[in-house]
Amino acid sequence: MVALADAAGKPVPHRRRIMAGMRPTGKLHVGHLLGALRTFIALSEEGECFYEVADLHALTTKFDRGAEIAADVREMVLDWLAAGLDPQRCTIYLQSRIPEISELAIILSMLTPLSWLERVPTYKEQIEILGPHLATHGFLGYPVLQTVDIAIMRGERVPVGQDQLPHLELSREIIRRFNHFYGPVLVEPEPMLSQTPLVPGTDGRKMSKSYDNSILLAESEEETRAKVTTMFTDPAKIHKTDPGHPETCPVFFFQRAFNPSAADEIAQRCRTGRLGCVEDKADMARHLNAALAPLRERRAALAAQPRLVEEVLAEGTRRARTVAAQTLADVRAAMGM
């Protein structure tokens, strides 16, 4: 790798390339903000970041409703921008507009053993949850496409949660297999383990729109308060004066995330039976709404610019495709194609 230097000739530290993506499912929820978006924003300050809107991956569950995906893309990118992701500091691009991704996915699928894909636990789990209609070639092979997403941008580091480590390790195995046959062409990515804990939904399970337990970033204050009112709390705390267990309470998770300065006092009042769940929920909803208010205001202003998302994606995709084209050219040259 060529060493970089500034105008004075002093070496410039290498900014490692970071690649991450998100499948567009429409408007994002608070779990996305705490689990991914804040990480994306922070990494944009320290690395060369490529953030993919993975609309081809969306086809794995919406292959019969493709027209919905464009609207989902717009809503998700609006949330990205409103949360503070700056397209001047990172590259935001649309997966389907980079045909080199699809071509490399075909190439890597030719050398990926079927047994590697069949052992991915997510495949069988999702089939059981969502139904056998998802048992398609594309859904089985999505780890190959996921590998290409990283490899074609020459991603050196990938932010992942603990539960995603096996998926990244499979990508590393596929890349190692290609490099074994054709030389060190593709970069083997390293994981950047996220420390963000599981974000609970209103029913205590992991926050997810598929569980209908999410609090959307773009919702109104009234909608947020109504959802917080229905949130599960400590099942052992039936009466206000009962001692609570804040460490297992979804409401306290959000107090700690959005009202951290008062979290210790709230926990103590809960444990000693001096804080009831109704009062706790109302207080948490106020702090959650206060934290989301600037984001919601920015989102409304961005949504009033009808061409903004398209312009951001067009410019980011142009930059990303330059990288993808060079990677594919290197792959084809190594393979003698």
Protein backbone atom coordinates (compact mmCIF):
# COMPACT_ATOMS: atom_id res chain seq x y z
CA MET A 1 0.00 0.00 0.00
CA VAL A 2 1.34 3.45 -0.93
CA ALA A 3 2.09 5.65 2.08
CA LEU A 4 0.14 8.88 2.15
CA ALA A 5 1.60 12.27 2.98
CA ASP A 6 0.19 15.73 3.61
CA ALA A 7 1.20 18.97 1.86
CA ALA A 8 4.24 19.28 4.13
CA GLY A 9 5.41 15.78 3.29
CA LYS A 10 4.53 14.31 6.69
CA PRO A 11 3.04 10.80 6.68
CA VAL A 12 -0.74 10.65 7.04
CA PRO A 13 -2.07 7.74 9.11
CA HIS A 14 -3.96 5.18 7.04
CA ARG A 15 -7.72 5.44 7.59
CA ARG A 16 -8.89 1.86 7.59
CA ARG A 17 -11.82 1.18 5.32
CA ILE A 18 -14.99 0.27 7.18
CA MET A 19 -17.96 -1.36 5.46
CA ALA A 20 -21.43 -1.81 6.91
CA GLY A 21 -24.92 -2.08 5.53
CA MET A 22 -28.54 -2.27 6.44
CA ARG A 23 -31.46 -3.89 4.68
CA PRO A 24 -34.16 -1.28 4.01
CA THR A 25 -37.34 -2.06 5.90
CA GLY A 26 -38.80 1.45 5.95
CA LYS A 27 -38.73 3.75 8.95
CA LEU A 28 -36.18 2.81 11.60
CA HIS A 29 -36.76 2.32 15.31
CA VAL A 30 -34.90 3.23 18.49
CA GLY A 31 -33.07 -0.10 18.43
CA HIS A 32 -31.48 0.87 15.11
CA LEU A 33 -30.38 4.20 16.58
CA LEU A 34 -28.73 2.66 19.63
CA GLY A 35 -27.46 -0.46 17.91
CA ALA A 36 -26.15 0.75 14.55
CA LEU A 37 -26.67 4.40 13.65
CA ARG A 38 -24.69 5.89 16.51
CA THR A 39 -21.87 3.49 15.66
CA PHE A 40 -22.01 4.43 11.97
CA ILE A 41 -21.78 8.12 12.85
CA ALA A 42 -18.86 7.67 15.25
CA LEU A 43 -16.92 5.51 12.80
CA SER A 44 -17.29 8.15 10.09
CA GLU A 45 -14.95 10.32 12.13
CA GLU A 46 -12.17 7.75 12.31
CA GLY A 47 -12.31 5.60 9.19
CA GLU A 48 -13.10 5.61 5.49
CA CYS A 49 -16.68 4.40 5.72
CA PHE A 50 -18.88 2.79 3.08
CA TYR A 51 -22.50 2.35 4.15
CA GLU A 52 -24.68 0.23 1.91
CA VAL A 53 -28.44 0.39 1.49
CA ALA A 54 -28.87 -3.34 0.87
CA ASP A 55 -31.98 -3.37 -1.30
CA LEU A 56 -31.05 -6.64 -3.04
CA HIS A 57 -31.08 -8.31 0.37
CA ALA A 58 -34.57 -6.90 0.90
CA LEU A 59 -35.74 -9.10 -1.99
CA THR A 60 -35.10 -12.21 0.12
CA THR A 61 -38.32 -11.50 2.03
CA LYS A 62 -40.04 -9.11 -0.40
CA PHE A 63 -39.43 -10.85 -3.72
CA ASP A 64 -43.19 -10.59 -4.41
CA ARG A 65 -43.44 -6.93 -3.31
CA GLY A 66 -40.50 -5.28 -4.99
CA ALA A 67 -42.34 -2.01 -5.52
CA GLU A 68 -42.36 -1.42 -1.76
CA ILE A 69 -38.57 -1.47 -1.52
CA ALA A 70 -38.02 1.95 -3.14
CA ALA A 71 -40.25 3.59 -0.52
CA ASP A 72 -38.48 1.65 2.23
CA VAL A 73 -35.11 2.90 0.93
CA ARG A 74 -36.23 6.53 1.06
CA GLU A 75 -37.59 6.23 4.60
CA MET A 76 -34.47 4.53 5.90
CA VAL A 77 -32.05 6.99 4.32
CA LEU A 78 -34.06 9.89 5.73
CA ASP A 79 -33.60 8.36 9.19
CA TRP A 80 -29.87 7.90 8.55
CA LEU A 81 -29.45 11.54 7.59
CA ALA A 82 -31.70 12.84 10.36
CA ALA A 83 -29.72 10.86 12.93
CA GLY A 84 -26.56 12.65 11.81
CA LEU A 85 -24.94 10.44 9.19
CA ASP A 86 -23.11 12.92 6.95
CA PRO A 87 -22.70 11.97 3.25
CA GLN A 88 -19.71 14.32 3.13
CA ARG A 89 -17.89 12.14 5.68
CA CYS A 90 -18.93 8.71 4.41
CA THR A 91 -20.17 7.01 1.26
CA ILE A 92 -23.87 6.10 1.26
CA TYR A 93 -24.81 3.96 -1.74
CA LEU A 94 -27.51 1.71 -3.17
CA GLN A 95 -26.55 -1.93 -3.59
CA SER A 96 -28.72 -2.67 -6.66
CA ARG A 97 -27.19 0.16 -8.69
CA ILE A 98 -23.75 -1.44 -8.60
CA PRO A 99 -23.95 -4.35 -11.08
CA GLU A 100 -20.41 -5.41 -10.18
CA ILE A 101 -21.84 -6.66 -6.86
CA SER A 102 -24.16 -9.08 -8.64
CA GLU A 103 -21.40 -10.31 -10.95
CA LEU A 104 -18.98 -10.99 -8.12
CA ALA A 105 -21.77 -12.73 -6.19
CA ILE A 106 -22.13 -15.21 -9.07
CA ILE A 107 -18.38 -15.78 -9.16
CA LEU A 108 -18.06 -16.41 -5.41
CA SER A 109 -21.16 -18.61 -5.39
CA MET A 110 -19.38 -20.95 -7.79
CA LEU A 111 -16.69 -21.75 -5.23
CA THR A 112 -18.74 -21.64 -2.00
CA PRO A 113 -19.56 -25.18 -0.77
CA LEU A 114 -23.28 -25.80 -0.32
CA SER A 115 -22.63 -27.30 3.11
CA TRP A 116 -21.24 -23.95 4.31
CA LEU A 117 -24.53 -22.24 3.50
CA GLU A 118 -26.74 -25.00 4.90
CA ARG A 119 -25.05 -24.79 8.30
CA VAL A 120 -25.98 -21.09 8.78
CA PRO A 121 -28.45 -21.19 11.71
CA THR A 122 -30.29 -18.06 10.58
CA TYR A 123 -31.48 -19.79 7.42
CA LYS A 124 -33.42 -22.55 9.17
CA GLU A 125 -34.59 -20.24 11.96
CA GLN A 126 -36.08 -17.70 9.54
CA ILE A 127 -37.74 -20.42 7.47
CA GLU A 128 -39.41 -21.73 10.62
CA ILE A 129 -40.51 -18.25 11.71
CA LEU A 130 -41.58 -16.72 8.40
CA GLY A 131 -42.59 -19.80 6.43
CA PRO A 132 -41.29 -22.23 3.78
CA HIS A 133 -41.99 -19.75 0.95
CA LEU A 134 -38.66 -18.13 1.88
CA ALA A 135 -36.73 -21.30 1.04
CA THR A 136 -35.33 -19.81 -2.16
CA HIS A 137 -31.93 -19.97 -3.83
CA GLY A 138 -31.39 -16.30 -2.99
CA PHE A 139 -32.21 -16.70 0.68
CA LEU A 140 -29.93 -19.72 1.04
CA GLY A 141 -27.17 -17.87 -0.79
CA TYR A 142 -27.52 -14.52 0.96
CA PRO A 143 -24.24 -15.07 2.93
CA VAL A 144 -22.41 -15.05 -0.42
CA LEU A 145 -24.00 -11.74 -1.39
CA GLN A 146 -23.19 -10.44 2.09
CA THR A 147 -19.56 -11.48 1.56
CA VAL A 148 -19.46 -9.62 -1.75
CA ASP A 149 -20.87 -6.49 -0.12
CA ILE A 150 -17.77 -6.39 2.08
CA ALA A 151 -15.19 -7.73 -0.32
CA ILE A 152 -16.04 -5.58 -3.32
CA MET A 153 -15.49 -2.40 -1.27
CA ARG A 154 -12.28 -3.91 0.14
CA GLY A 155 -13.67 -3.53 3.63
CA GLU A 156 -10.97 -3.99 6.24
CA ARG A 157 -13.24 -3.76 9.28
CA VAL A 158 -16.93 -4.54 9.77
CA PRO A 159 -18.92 -3.42 12.84
CA VAL A 160 -20.90 -6.40 14.13
CA GLY A 161 -22.71 -7.53 17.24
CA GLN A 162 -21.77 -10.73 19.06
CA ASP A 163 -24.61 -12.61 17.34
CA GLN A 164 -23.29 -11.61 13.91
CA LEU A 165 -19.76 -12.92 14.38
CA PRO A 166 -20.53 -16.35 12.81
CA HIS A 167 -21.84 -14.60 9.69
CA LEU A 168 -18.67 -12.55 9.32
CA GLU A 169 -16.52 -15.61 9.91
CA LEU A 170 -18.29 -17.34 7.02
CA SER A 171 -17.47 -14.33 4.83
CA ARG A 172 -13.85 -14.58 5.89
CA GLU A 173 -13.85 -18.30 4.97
CA ILE A 174 -15.27 -17.60 1.51
CA ILE A 175 -12.69 -14.87 0.90
CA ARG A 176 -9.87 -17.13 2.11
CA ARG A 177 -11.06 -19.84 -0.26
CA PHE A 178 -10.99 -17.45 -3.22
CA ASN A 179 -7.54 -16.16 -2.27
CA HIS A 180 -6.29 -19.75 -1.90
CA PHE A 181 -7.21 -20.47 -5.52
CA TYR A 182 -6.29 -17.14 -7.12
CA GLY A 183 -3.89 -15.27 -4.83
CA PRO A 184 -4.35 -12.46 -2.27
CA VAL A 185 -6.82 -10.40 -4.28
CA LEU A 186 -9.65 -9.90 -1.77
CA VAL A 187 -9.24 -8.31 1.67
CA GLU A 188 -10.11 -10.52 4.64
CA PRO A 189 -12.19 -8.29 6.94
CA GLU A 190 -11.77 -7.99 10.69
CA PRO A 191 -14.74 -7.65 13.05
CA MET A 192 -15.32 -4.52 15.11
CA LEU A 193 -17.36 -5.88 18.00
CA SER A 194 -20.16 -3.58 19.10
CA GLN A 195 -20.74 -3.24 22.83
CA THR A 196 -24.36 -2.13 22.42
CA PRO A 197 -26.64 -4.43 24.45
CA LEU A 198 -29.86 -5.93 23.15
CA VAL A 199 -32.46 -3.16 22.83
CA PRO A 200 -35.81 -4.38 24.20
CA GLY A 201 -39.12 -3.66 22.54
CA THR A 202 -42.38 -2.79 24.25
CA ASP A 203 -43.02 -6.49 24.99
CA GLY A 204 -39.55 -7.17 26.40
CA ARG A 205 -38.30 -9.10 23.37
CA LYS A 206 -35.66 -7.69 21.01
CA MET A 207 -37.06 -4.57 19.37
CA SER A 208 -38.20 -5.48 15.87
CA LYS A 209 -40.91 -4.35 13.51
CA SER A 210 -41.65 -7.99 12.76
CA TYR A 211 -42.64 -8.40 16.44
CA ASP A 212 -44.75 -5.22 16.32
CA ASN A 213 -42.96 -4.02 19.46
CA SER A 214 -40.89 -1.12 18.13
CA ILE A 215 -40.79 2.61 18.80
CA LEU A 216 -40.08 4.37 15.51
CA LEU A 217 -37.72 7.32 15.34
CA ALA A 218 -40.15 9.27 13.15
CA GLU A 219 -43.23 8.78 15.33
CA SER A 220 -44.91 11.72 17.04
CA GLU A 221 -44.50 12.43 20.75
CA GLU A 222 -48.08 11.27 21.31
CA GLU A 223 -47.48 7.96 19.52
CA THR A 224 -44.31 7.40 21.52
CA ARG A 225 -46.04 8.10 24.83
CA ALA A 226 -48.86 5.70 23.93
CA LYS A 227 -46.39 2.91 23.13
CA VAL A 228 -44.39 3.50 26.30
CA THR A 229 -47.62 3.23 28.31
CA THR A 230 -48.03 -0.35 27.06
CA MET A 231 -44.46 -1.43 27.78
CA PHE A 232 -43.81 -4.53 29.83
CA THR A 233 -42.10 -3.91 33.15
CA ASP A 234 -40.81 -6.11 35.98
CA PRO A 235 -43.42 -8.92 36.26
CA ALA A 236 -42.64 -9.29 39.97
CA LYS A 237 -43.60 -5.68 40.68
CA ILE A 238 -47.41 -5.84 40.82
CA HIS A 239 -48.03 -2.95 43.22
CA LYS A 240 -46.20 0.37 43.39
CA THR A 241 -44.75 -0.48 46.80
CA ASP A 242 -43.39 -3.85 45.67
CA PRO A 243 -39.59 -3.93 45.35
CA GLY A 244 -38.60 -3.87 41.68
CA HIS A 245 -35.75 -5.30 39.66
CA PRO A 246 -34.67 -2.54 37.25
CA GLU A 247 -31.95 -4.65 35.67
CA THR A 248 -34.67 -6.80 34.03
CA CYS A 249 -37.10 -3.97 33.21
CA PRO A 250 -37.29 -2.66 29.60
CA VAL A 251 -38.38 0.78 30.86
CA PHE A 252 -35.22 1.10 32.94
CA PHE A 253 -33.10 0.17 29.91
CA PHE A 254 -34.41 3.33 28.22
CA GLN A 255 -33.96 5.41 31.38
CA ARG A 256 -30.32 4.38 31.40
CA ALA A 257 -29.96 5.14 27.68
CA PHE A 258 -31.80 8.49 27.56
CA ASN A 259 -31.77 9.71 31.17
CA PRO A 260 -28.38 8.44 32.40
CA SER A 261 -27.76 11.11 35.02
CA ALA A 262 -30.82 9.98 37.00
CA ALA A 263 -30.51 6.23 36.33
CA ASP A 264 -28.96 5.32 39.70
CA GLU A 265 -31.60 7.25 41.64
CA ILE A 266 -34.40 5.70 39.57
CA ALA A 267 -33.02 2.21 40.16
CA GLN A 268 -32.83 2.82 43.91
CA ARG A 269 -36.39 4.15 44.09
CA CYS A 270 -37.60 1.17 42.08
CA ARG A 271 -35.82 -1.38 44.28
CA THR A 272 -37.20 0.16 47.47
CA GLY A 273 -40.78 0.38 46.24
CA ARG A 274 -40.84 4.19 46.08
CA LEU A 275 -41.33 4.38 42.30
CA GLY A 276 -44.34 2.98 40.51
CA CYS A 277 -44.31 1.76 36.93
CA VAL A 278 -46.85 4.32 35.71
CA GLU A 279 -44.73 7.22 36.98
CA ASP A 280 -41.56 5.59 35.66
CA LYS A 281 -43.03 5.16 32.17
CA ALA A 282 -44.23 8.75 32.00
CA ASP A 283 -40.82 10.04 33.06
CA MET A 284 -39.03 7.79 30.56
CA ALA A 285 -41.33 8.87 27.71
CA ARG A 286 -40.50 12.54 28.42
CA HIS A 287 -36.77 11.92 28.21
CA LEU A 288 -37.06 9.68 25.16
CA ASN A 289 -39.14 12.28 23.31
CA ALA A 290 -36.73 15.04 24.32
CA ALA A 291 -33.79 13.04 22.94
CA LEU A 292 -35.59 12.29 19.66
CA ALA A 293 -37.01 15.80 19.13
CA PRO A 294 -33.97 17.21 17.23
CA LEU A 295 -33.84 14.11 15.02
CA ARG A 296 -37.53 14.40 14.22
CA GLU A 297 -37.19 18.08 13.41
CA ARG A 298 -34.28 17.42 11.05
CA ARG A 299 -36.16 14.56 9.43
CA ALA A 300 -39.17 16.75 8.66
CA ALA A 301 -36.89 19.34 7.04
CA LEU A 302 -35.10 16.69 4.98
CA ALA A 303 -38.34 15.04 3.88
CA ALA A 304 -39.49 18.41 2.52
CA GLN A 305 -36.67 18.16 -0.07
CA PRO A 306 -38.08 15.53 -2.47
CA ARG A 307 -34.85 14.94 -4.43
CA LEU A 308 -32.44 14.91 -1.51
CA VAL A 309 -32.32 11.16 -0.91
CA GLU A 310 -31.93 10.45 -4.62
CA GLU A 311 -29.06 12.93 -4.88
CA VAL A 312 -27.27 11.50 -1.84
CA LEU A 313 -27.59 7.96 -3.19
CA ALA A 314 -26.55 8.95 -6.72
CA GLU A 315 -23.32 10.59 -5.55
CA GLY A 316 -22.49 7.88 -3.04
CA THR A 317 -23.21 5.11 -5.55
CA ARG A 318 -20.96 6.80 -8.10
CA ARG A 319 -18.06 6.80 -5.63
CA ALA A 320 -18.74 3.24 -4.47
CA ARG A 321 -19.00 1.90 -8.01
CA THR A 322 -15.52 3.20 -8.81
CA VAL A 323 -14.17 0.99 -6.02
CA ALA A 324 -16.34 -1.97 -7.01
CA ALA A 325 -15.28 -1.81 -10.65
CA GLN A 326 -11.59 -1.91 -9.72
CA THR A 327 -12.11 -4.85 -7.35
CA LEU A 328 -14.01 -6.83 -9.99
CA ALA A 329 -11.34 -6.06 -12.57
CA ASP A 330 -8.68 -7.41 -10.19
CA VAL A 331 -10.76 -10.54 -9.57
CA ARG A 332 -11.28 -11.18 -13.27
CA ALA A 333 -7.58 -10.64 -13.99
CA ALA A 334 -6.55 -13.05 -11.25
CA MET A 335 -8.94 -15.67 -12.60
CA GLY A 336 -7.80 -15.14 -16.18
CA MET A 337 -11.27 -14.12 -17.31
